[in-house]
Amino acid sequence: MVASALPPAATLDVPVYVLHMLSATTHDGLSRRLLDNAQQSAAAALHRCHRALELDGAAHSYTATSGCRSPATAPPSSSSQPA
């Protein structure tokens, strides 16, 4: 599910890059369209990440709005296992 956020996140890079390359006085209409595109792409990416957290939270007893899982409930990381 988190992988579904990659296309809108990649789409977000294009208008932001073009905006940086454009002169501030050039193509006002284009700048507005690029900003709108960037806003829509960012919202889509964040929505998909939030939805992935909701689904994972339902499977692992936490909520997307509660923040990160505490260390006591988080799965062990590979770095905490003895070598």
PDB file of N, CA and C in Angstrom:
ATOM      1  N   MET A   1       0.824  -1.188   0.000  1.00  0.00           N
ATOM      2  CA  MET A   1       0.000   0.000   0.000  1.00  0.00           C
ATOM      3  C   MET A   1       0.871   1.256   0.000  1.00  0.00           C
ATOM      4  N   VAL A   2       1.948   1.265   0.774  1.00  0.00           N
ATOM      5  CA  VAL A   2       2.832   2.429   0.787  1.00  0.00           C
ATOM      6  C   VAL A   2       3.428   2.649  -0.600  1.00  0.00           C
ATOM      7  N   ALA A   3       3.675   1.577  -1.318  1.00  0.00           N
ATOM      8  CA  ALA A   3       4.230   1.696  -2.662  1.00  0.00           C
ATOM      9  C   ALA A   3       3.292   2.473  -3.588  1.00  0.00           C
ATOM     10  N   SER A   4       2.005   2.488  -3.291  1.00  0.00           N
ATOM     11  CA  SER A   4       1.074   3.242  -4.131  1.00  0.00           C
ATOM     12  C   SER A   4       1.284   4.744  -4.005  1.00  0.00           C
ATOM     13  N   ALA A   5       2.033   5.190  -3.004  1.00  0.00           N
ATOM     14  CA  ALA A   5       2.334   6.616  -2.847  1.00  0.00           C
ATOM     15  C   ALA A   5       3.479   7.054  -3.752  1.00  0.00           C
ATOM     16  N   LEU A   6       4.217   6.107  -4.298  1.00  0.00           N
ATOM     17  CA  LEU A   6       5.370   6.479  -5.130  1.00  0.00           C
ATOM     18  C   LEU A   6       5.006   7.214  -6.416  1.00  0.00           C
ATOM     19  N   PRO A   7       4.009   6.778  -7.190  1.00  0.00           N
ATOM     20  CA  PRO A   7       3.693   7.546  -8.408  1.00  0.00           C
ATOM     21  C   PRO A   7       3.321   9.006  -8.143  1.00  0.00           C
ATOM     22  N   PRO A   8       2.429   9.305  -7.162  1.00  0.00           N
ATOM     23  CA  PRO A   8       2.157  10.717  -6.939  1.00  0.00           C
ATOM     24  C   PRO A   8       3.354  11.467  -6.371  1.00  0.00           C
ATOM     25  N   ALA A   9       4.177  10.792  -5.604  1.00  0.00           N
ATOM     26  CA  ALA A   9       5.377  11.457  -5.078  1.00  0.00           C
ATOM     27  C   ALA A   9       6.346  11.777  -6.213  1.00  0.00           C
ATOM     28  N   ALA A  10       6.473  10.867  -7.161  1.00  0.00           N
ATOM     29  CA  ALA A  10       7.340  11.123  -8.318  1.00  0.00           C
ATOM     30  C   ALA A  10       6.775  12.243  -9.170  1.00  0.00           C
ATOM     31  N   THR A  11       5.456  12.261  -9.326  1.00  0.00           N
ATOM     32  CA  THR A  11       4.798  13.322 -10.080  1.00  0.00           C
ATOM     33  C   THR A  11       5.004  14.667  -9.400  1.00  0.00           C
ATOM     34  N   LEU A  12       5.129  14.662  -8.101  1.00  0.00           N
ATOM     35  CA  LEU A  12       5.361  15.886  -7.341  1.00  0.00           C
ATOM     36  C   LEU A  12       6.712  16.506  -7.674  1.00  0.00           C
ATOM     37  N   ASP A  13       7.709  15.688  -7.934  1.00  0.00           N
ATOM     38  CA  ASP A  13       9.054  16.190  -8.227  1.00  0.00           C
ATOM     39  C   ASP A  13       9.104  17.040  -9.493  1.00  0.00           C
ATOM     40  N   VAL A  14       8.334  16.678 -10.496  1.00  0.00           N
ATOM     41  CA  VAL A  14       8.402  17.373 -11.788  1.00  0.00           C
ATOM     42  C   VAL A  14       7.978  18.836 -11.681  1.00  0.00           C
ATOM     43  N   PRO A  15       6.772  19.142 -11.155  1.00  0.00           N
ATOM     44  CA  PRO A  15       6.408  20.561 -11.103  1.00  0.00           C
ATOM     45  C   PRO A  15       7.299  21.375 -10.170  1.00  0.00           C
ATOM     46  N   VAL A  16       7.763  20.766  -9.091  1.00  0.00           N
ATOM     47  CA  VAL A  16       8.642  21.492  -8.168  1.00  0.00           C
ATOM     48  C   VAL A  16       9.961  21.821  -8.862  1.00  0.00           C
ATOM     49  N   TYR A  17      10.516  20.879  -9.589  1.00  0.00           N
ATOM     50  CA  TYR A  17      11.763  21.117 -10.316  1.00  0.00           C
ATOM     51  C   TYR A  17      11.580  22.211 -11.369  1.00  0.00           C
ATOM     52  N   VAL A  18      10.492  22.122 -12.139  1.00  0.00           N
ATOM     53  CA  VAL A  18      10.244  23.121 -13.189  1.00  0.00           C
ATOM     54  C   VAL A  18      10.049  24.504 -12.575  1.00  0.00           C
ATOM     55  N   LEU A  19       9.342  24.575 -11.455  1.00  0.00           N
ATOM     56  CA  LEU A  19       9.158  25.869 -10.794  1.00  0.00           C
ATOM     57  C   LEU A  19      10.490  26.489 -10.386  1.00  0.00           C
ATOM     58  N   HIS A  20      11.404  25.672  -9.921  1.00  0.00           N
ATOM     59  CA  HIS A  20      12.727  26.175  -9.547  1.00  0.00           C
ATOM     60  C   HIS A  20      13.504  26.663 -10.763  1.00  0.00           C
ATOM     61  N   MET A  21      13.262  26.046 -11.904  1.00  0.00           N
ATOM     62  CA  MET A  21      13.997  26.414 -13.105  1.00  0.00           C
ATOM     63  C   MET A  21      13.406  27.634 -13.816  1.00  0.00           C
ATOM     64  N   LEU A  22      12.111  27.898 -13.603  1.00  0.00           N
ATOM     65  CA  LEU A  22      11.465  29.028 -14.263  1.00  0.00           C
ATOM     66  C   LEU A  22      11.835  30.345 -13.590  1.00  0.00           C
ATOM     67  N   SER A  23      11.861  31.371 -14.370  1.00  0.00           N
ATOM     68  CA  SER A  23      12.016  32.712 -13.825  1.00  0.00           C
ATOM     69  C   SER A  23      10.732  33.066 -13.083  1.00  0.00           C
ATOM     70  N   ALA A  24      10.841  33.837 -12.026  1.00  0.00           N
ATOM     71  CA  ALA A  24       9.668  34.222 -11.242  1.00  0.00           C
ATOM     72  C   ALA A  24       8.712  35.090 -12.049  1.00  0.00           C
ATOM     73  N   THR A  25       9.197  35.754 -13.074  1.00  0.00           N
ATOM     74  CA  THR A  25       8.349  36.655 -13.857  1.00  0.00           C
ATOM     75  C   THR A  25       7.805  36.005 -15.119  1.00  0.00           C
ATOM     76  N   THR A  26       8.164  34.763 -15.387  1.00  0.00           N
ATOM     77  CA  THR A  26       7.777  34.102 -16.626  1.00  0.00           C
ATOM     78  C   THR A  26       6.614  33.149 -16.390  1.00  0.00           C
ATOM     79  N   HIS A  27       5.662  33.135 -17.292  1.00  0.00           N
ATOM     80  CA  HIS A  27       4.602  32.121 -17.341  1.00  0.00           C
ATOM     81  C   HIS A  27       3.813  31.999 -16.032  1.00  0.00           C
ATOM     82  N   ASP A  28       3.130  33.068 -15.659  1.00  0.00           N
ATOM     83  CA  ASP A  28       2.336  33.032 -14.428  1.00  0.00           C
ATOM     84  C   ASP A  28       1.290  31.915 -14.443  1.00  0.00           C
ATOM     85  N   GLY A  29       0.628  31.719 -15.584  1.00  0.00           N
ATOM     86  CA  GLY A  29      -0.374  30.651 -15.682  1.00  0.00           C
ATOM     87  C   GLY A  29       0.246  29.277 -15.508  1.00  0.00           C
ATOM     88  N   LEU A  30       1.411  29.083 -16.078  1.00  0.00           N
ATOM     89  CA  LEU A  30       2.107  27.804 -15.945  1.00  0.00           C
ATOM     90  C   LEU A  30       2.512  27.568 -14.494  1.00  0.00           C
ATOM     91  N   SER A  31       2.995  28.598 -13.838  1.00  0.00           N
ATOM     92  CA  SER A  31       3.386  28.466 -12.430  1.00  0.00           C
ATOM     93  C   SER A  31       2.206  28.035 -11.577  1.00  0.00           C
ATOM     94  N   ARG A  32       1.042  28.639 -11.811  1.00  0.00           N
ATOM     95  CA  ARG A  32      -0.164  28.296 -11.048  1.00  0.00           C
ATOM     96  C   ARG A  32      -0.554  26.845 -11.292  1.00  0.00           C
ATOM     97  N   ARG A  33      -0.508  26.396 -12.553  1.00  0.00           N
ATOM     98  CA  ARG A  33      -0.857  25.006 -12.879  1.00  0.00           C
ATOM     99  C   ARG A  33       0.132  24.033 -12.243  1.00  0.00           C
ATOM    100  N   LEU A  34       1.418  24.394 -12.256  1.00  0.00           N
ATOM    101  CA  LEU A  34       2.428  23.526 -11.647  1.00  0.00           C
ATOM    102  C   LEU A  34       2.228  23.427 -10.133  1.00  0.00           C
ATOM    103  N   LEU A  35       1.909  24.542  -9.508  1.00  0.00           N
ATOM    104  CA  LEU A  35       1.648  24.518  -8.066  1.00  0.00           C
ATOM    105  C   LEU A  35       0.412  23.680  -7.746  1.00  0.00           C
ATOM    106  N   ASP A  36      -0.630  23.818  -8.557  1.00  0.00           N
ATOM    107  CA  ASP A  36      -1.831  23.008  -8.358  1.00  0.00           C
ATOM    108  C   ASP A  36      -1.518  21.525  -8.508  1.00  0.00           C
ATOM    109  N   ASN A  37      -0.720  21.177  -9.526  1.00  0.00           N
ATOM    110  CA  ASN A  37      -0.325  19.791  -9.752  1.00  0.00           C
ATOM    111  C   ASN A  37       0.482  19.263  -8.572  1.00  0.00           C
ATOM    112  N   ALA A  38       1.410  20.070  -8.082  1.00  0.00           N
ATOM    113  CA  ALA A  38       2.237  19.653  -6.943  1.00  0.00           C
ATOM    114  C   ALA A  38       1.370  19.434  -5.708  1.00  0.00           C
ATOM    115  N   GLN A  39       0.407  20.315  -5.485  1.00  0.00           N
ATOM    116  CA  GLN A  39      -0.476  20.184  -4.329  1.00  0.00           C
ATOM    117  C   GLN A  39      -1.312  18.910  -4.428  1.00  0.00           C
ATOM    118  N   GLN A  40      -1.863  18.625  -5.589  1.00  0.00           N
ATOM    119  CA  GLN A  40      -2.672  17.418  -5.769  1.00  0.00           C
ATOM    120  C   GLN A  40      -1.830  16.158  -5.596  1.00  0.00           C
ATOM    121  N   SER A  41      -0.621  16.164  -6.130  1.00  0.00           N
ATOM    122  CA  SER A  41       0.251  14.993  -6.014  1.00  0.00           C
ATOM    123  C   SER A  41       0.673  14.765  -4.569  1.00  0.00           C
ATOM    124  N   ALA A  42       0.993  15.835  -3.862  1.00  0.00           N
ATOM    125  CA  ALA A  42       1.379  15.705  -2.455  1.00  0.00           C
ATOM    126  C   ALA A  42       0.213  15.177  -1.622  1.00  0.00           C
ATOM    127  N   ALA A  43      -0.978  15.696  -1.865  1.00  0.00           N
ATOM    128  CA  ALA A  43      -2.153  15.234  -1.127  1.00  0.00           C
ATOM    129  C   ALA A  43      -2.423  13.757  -1.403  1.00  0.00           C
ATOM    130  N   ALA A  44      -2.282  13.336  -2.645  1.00  0.00           N
ATOM    131  CA  ALA A  44      -2.503  11.928  -2.994  1.00  0.00           C
ATOM    132  C   ALA A  44      -1.480  11.024  -2.314  1.00  0.00           C
ATOM    133  N   ALA A  45      -0.225  11.434  -2.319  1.00  0.00           N
ATOM    134  CA  ALA A  45       0.824  10.629  -1.687  1.00  0.00           C
ATOM    135  C   ALA A  45       0.591  10.521  -0.181  1.00  0.00           C
ATOM    136  N   LEU A  46       0.268  11.630   0.457  1.00  0.00           N
ATOM    137  CA  LEU A  46       0.025  11.608   1.908  1.00  0.00           C
ATOM    138  C   LEU A  46      -1.212  10.782   2.247  1.00  0.00           C
ATOM    139  N   HIS A  47      -2.251  10.885   1.436  1.00  0.00           N
ATOM    140  CA  HIS A  47      -3.458  10.100   1.678  1.00  0.00           C
ATOM    141  C   HIS A  47      -3.143   8.603   1.605  1.00  0.00           C
ATOM    142  N   ARG A  48      -2.369   8.207   0.621  1.00  0.00           N
ATOM    143  CA  ARG A  48      -2.040   6.780   0.464  1.00  0.00           C
ATOM    144  C   ARG A  48      -1.164   6.278   1.598  1.00  0.00           C
ATOM    145  N   CYS A  49      -0.232   7.098   2.063  1.00  0.00           N
ATOM    146  CA  CYS A  49       0.594   6.705   3.215  1.00  0.00           C
ATOM    147  C   CYS A  49      -0.269   6.568   4.466  1.00  0.00           C
ATOM    148  N   HIS A  50      -1.169   7.524   4.665  1.00  0.00           N
ATOM    149  CA  HIS A  50      -2.055   7.467   5.826  1.00  0.00           C
ATOM    150  C   HIS A  50      -2.931   6.211   5.767  1.00  0.00           C
ATOM    151  N   ARG A  51      -3.444   5.892   4.588  1.00  0.00           N
ATOM    152  CA  ARG A  51      -4.275   4.698   4.437  1.00  0.00           C
ATOM    153  C   ARG A  51      -3.470   3.430   4.727  1.00  0.00           C
ATOM    154  N   ALA A  52      -2.220   3.406   4.288  1.00  0.00           N
ATOM    155  CA  ALA A  52      -1.363   2.250   4.583  1.00  0.00           C
ATOM    156  C   ALA A  52      -1.151   2.113   6.085  1.00  0.00           C
ATOM    157  N   LEU A  53      -0.966   3.238   6.785  1.00  0.00           N
ATOM    158  CA  LEU A  53      -0.823   3.190   8.241  1.00  0.00           C
ATOM    159  C   LEU A  53      -2.103   2.700   8.902  1.00  0.00           C
ATOM    160  N   GLU A  54      -3.255   3.137   8.396  1.00  0.00           N
ATOM    161  CA  GLU A  54      -4.521   2.658   8.949  1.00  0.00           C
ATOM    162  C   GLU A  54      -4.649   1.147   8.808  1.00  0.00           C
ATOM    163  N   LEU A  55      -4.335   0.624   7.637  1.00  0.00           N
ATOM    164  CA  LEU A  55      -4.442  -0.817   7.410  1.00  0.00           C
ATOM    165  C   LEU A  55      -3.448  -1.601   8.254  1.00  0.00           C
ATOM    166  N   ASP A  56      -2.207  -1.105   8.337  1.00  0.00           N
ATOM    167  CA  ASP A  56      -1.205  -1.779   9.158  1.00  0.00           C
ATOM    168  C   ASP A  56      -1.587  -1.691  10.633  1.00  0.00           C
ATOM    169  N   GLY A  57      -2.112  -0.540  11.038  1.00  0.00           N
ATOM    170  CA  GLY A  57      -2.541  -0.372  12.425  1.00  0.00           C
ATOM    171  C   GLY A  57      -3.662  -1.323  12.795  1.00  0.00           C
ATOM    172  N   ALA A  58      -4.590  -1.515  11.882  1.00  0.00           N
ATOM    173  CA  ALA A  58      -5.675  -2.457  12.141  1.00  0.00           C
ATOM    174  C   ALA A  58      -5.134  -3.878  12.311  1.00  0.00           C
ATOM    175  N   ALA A  59      -4.096  -4.191  11.578  1.00  0.00           N
ATOM    176  CA  ALA A  59      -3.504  -5.534  11.661  1.00  0.00           C
ATOM    177  C   ALA A  59      -2.605  -5.708  12.888  1.00  0.00           C
ATOM    178  N   HIS A  60      -2.087  -4.565  13.431  1.00  0.00           N
ATOM    179  CA  HIS A  60      -1.118  -4.653  14.531  1.00  0.00           C
ATOM    180  C   HIS A  60      -1.518  -3.855  15.766  1.00  0.00           C
ATOM    181  N   SER A  61      -2.781  -3.548  15.908  1.00  0.00           N
ATOM    182  CA  SER A  61      -3.344  -2.922  17.111  1.00  0.00           C
ATOM    183  C   SER A  61      -2.781  -1.548  17.447  1.00  0.00           C
ATOM    184  N   TYR A  62      -2.737  -0.664  16.485  1.00  0.00           N
ATOM    185  CA  TYR A  62      -2.439   0.741  16.743  1.00  0.00           C
ATOM    186  C   TYR A  62      -3.228   1.560  15.741  1.00  0.00           C
ATOM    187  N   THR A  63      -3.278   2.864  15.956  1.00  0.00           N
ATOM    188  CA  THR A  63      -3.999   3.723  15.021  1.00  0.00           C
ATOM    189  C   THR A  63      -3.021   4.625  14.298  1.00  0.00           C
ATOM    190  N   ALA A  64      -3.385   5.032  13.101  1.00  0.00           N
ATOM    191  CA  ALA A  64      -2.535   5.908  12.306  1.00  0.00           C
ATOM    192  C   ALA A  64      -2.346   7.258  12.985  1.00  0.00           C
ATOM    193  N   THR A  65      -3.319   7.692  13.763  1.00  0.00           N
ATOM    194  CA  THR A  65      -3.228   8.995  14.424  1.00  0.00           C
ATOM    195  C   THR A  65      -2.533   8.929  15.772  1.00  0.00           C
ATOM    196  N   SER A  66      -2.224   7.739  16.266  1.00  0.00           N
ATOM    197  CA  SER A  66      -1.574   7.623  17.575  1.00  0.00           C
ATOM    198  C   SER A  66      -0.059   7.784  17.494  1.00  0.00           C
ATOM    199  N   GLY A  67       0.474   7.938  16.307  1.00  0.00           N
ATOM    200  CA  GLY A  67       1.915   8.096  16.163  1.00  0.00           C
ATOM    201  C   GLY A  67       2.602   6.764  16.036  1.00  0.00           C
ATOM    202  N   CYS A  68       3.863   6.758  16.319  1.00  0.00           N
ATOM    203  CA  CYS A  68       4.662   5.534  16.196  1.00  0.00           C
ATOM    204  C   CYS A  68       4.321   4.567  17.309  1.00  0.00           C
ATOM    205  N   ARG A  69       4.521   3.314  17.009  1.00  0.00           N
ATOM    206  CA  ARG A  69       4.332   2.295  18.028  1.00  0.00           C
ATOM    207  C   ARG A  69       5.430   2.440  19.071  1.00  0.00           C
ATOM    208  N   SER A  70       5.095   2.122  20.287  1.00  0.00           N
ATOM    209  CA  SER A  70       6.100   2.174  21.345  1.00  0.00           C
ATOM    210  C   SER A  70       7.090   1.038  21.149  1.00  0.00           C
ATOM    211  N   PRO A  71       8.308   1.165  21.704  1.00  0.00           N
ATOM    212  CA  PRO A  71       9.302   0.087  21.545  1.00  0.00           C
ATOM    213  C   PRO A  71       8.804  -1.251  22.073  1.00  0.00           C
ATOM    214  N   ALA A  72       7.922  -1.219  23.077  1.00  0.00           N
ATOM    215  CA  ALA A  72       7.424  -2.470  23.648  1.00  0.00           C
ATOM    216  C   ALA A  72       6.530  -3.225  22.666  1.00  0.00           C
ATOM    217  N   THR A  73       5.842  -2.506  21.777  1.00  0.00           N
ATOM    218  CA  THR A  73       4.939  -3.175  20.849  1.00  0.00           C
ATOM    219  C   THR A  73       5.504  -3.267  19.446  1.00  0.00           C
ATOM    220  N   ALA A  74       6.615  -2.589  19.199  1.00  0.00           N
ATOM    221  CA  ALA A  74       7.217  -2.613  17.863  1.00  0.00           C
ATOM    222  C   ALA A  74       7.926  -3.945  17.653  1.00  0.00           C
ATOM    223  N   PRO A  75       7.938  -4.425  16.437  1.00  0.00           N
ATOM    224  CA  PRO A  75       8.671  -5.662  16.170  1.00  0.00           C
ATOM    225  C   PRO A  75      10.163  -5.433  16.378  1.00  0.00           C
ATOM    226  N   PRO A  76      10.891  -6.466  16.791  1.00  0.00           N
ATOM    227  CA  PRO A  76      12.331  -6.287  17.013  1.00  0.00           C
ATOM    228  C   PRO A  76      13.042  -5.938  15.707  1.00  0.00           C
ATOM    229  N   SER A  77      13.983  -5.034  15.818  1.00  0.00           N
ATOM    230  CA  SER A  77      14.754  -4.679  14.624  1.00  0.00           C
ATOM    231  C   SER A  77      15.914  -5.643  14.485  1.00  0.00           C
ATOM    232  N   SER A  78      16.445  -5.721  13.276  1.00  0.00           N
ATOM    233  CA  SER A  78      17.553  -6.634  13.037  1.00  0.00           C
ATOM    234  C   SER A  78      18.795  -6.219  13.793  1.00  0.00           C
ATOM    235  N   SER A  79      18.924  -4.921  14.115  1.00  0.00           N
ATOM    236  CA  SER A  79      20.119  -4.450  14.828  1.00  0.00           C
ATOM    237  C   SER A  79      20.092  -4.825  16.302  1.00  0.00           C
ATOM    238  N   SER A  80      18.885  -5.175  16.855  1.00  0.00           N
ATOM    239  CA  SER A  80      18.819  -5.515  18.271  1.00  0.00           C
ATOM    240  C   SER A  80      19.055  -6.997  18.528  1.00  0.00           C
ATOM    241  N   GLN A  81      19.176  -7.771  17.450  1.00  0.00           N
ATOM    242  CA  GLN A  81      19.420  -9.184  17.611  1.00  0.00           C
ATOM    243  C   GLN A  81      20.925  -9.438  17.710  1.00  0.00           C
ATOM    244  N   PRO A  82      21.305 -10.367  18.564  1.00  0.00           N
ATOM    245  CA  PRO A  82      22.744 -10.662  18.688  1.00  0.00           C
ATOM    246  C   PRO A  82      23.322 -11.202  17.385  1.00  0.00           C
ATOM    247  N   ALA A  83      24.563 -10.881  17.165  1.00  0.00           N
ATOM    248  CA  ALA A  83      25.228 -11.321  15.926  1.00  0.00           C
ATOM    249  C   ALA A  83      25.691 -12.748  16.021  1.00  0.00           C
TER     250      ALA A  83
END
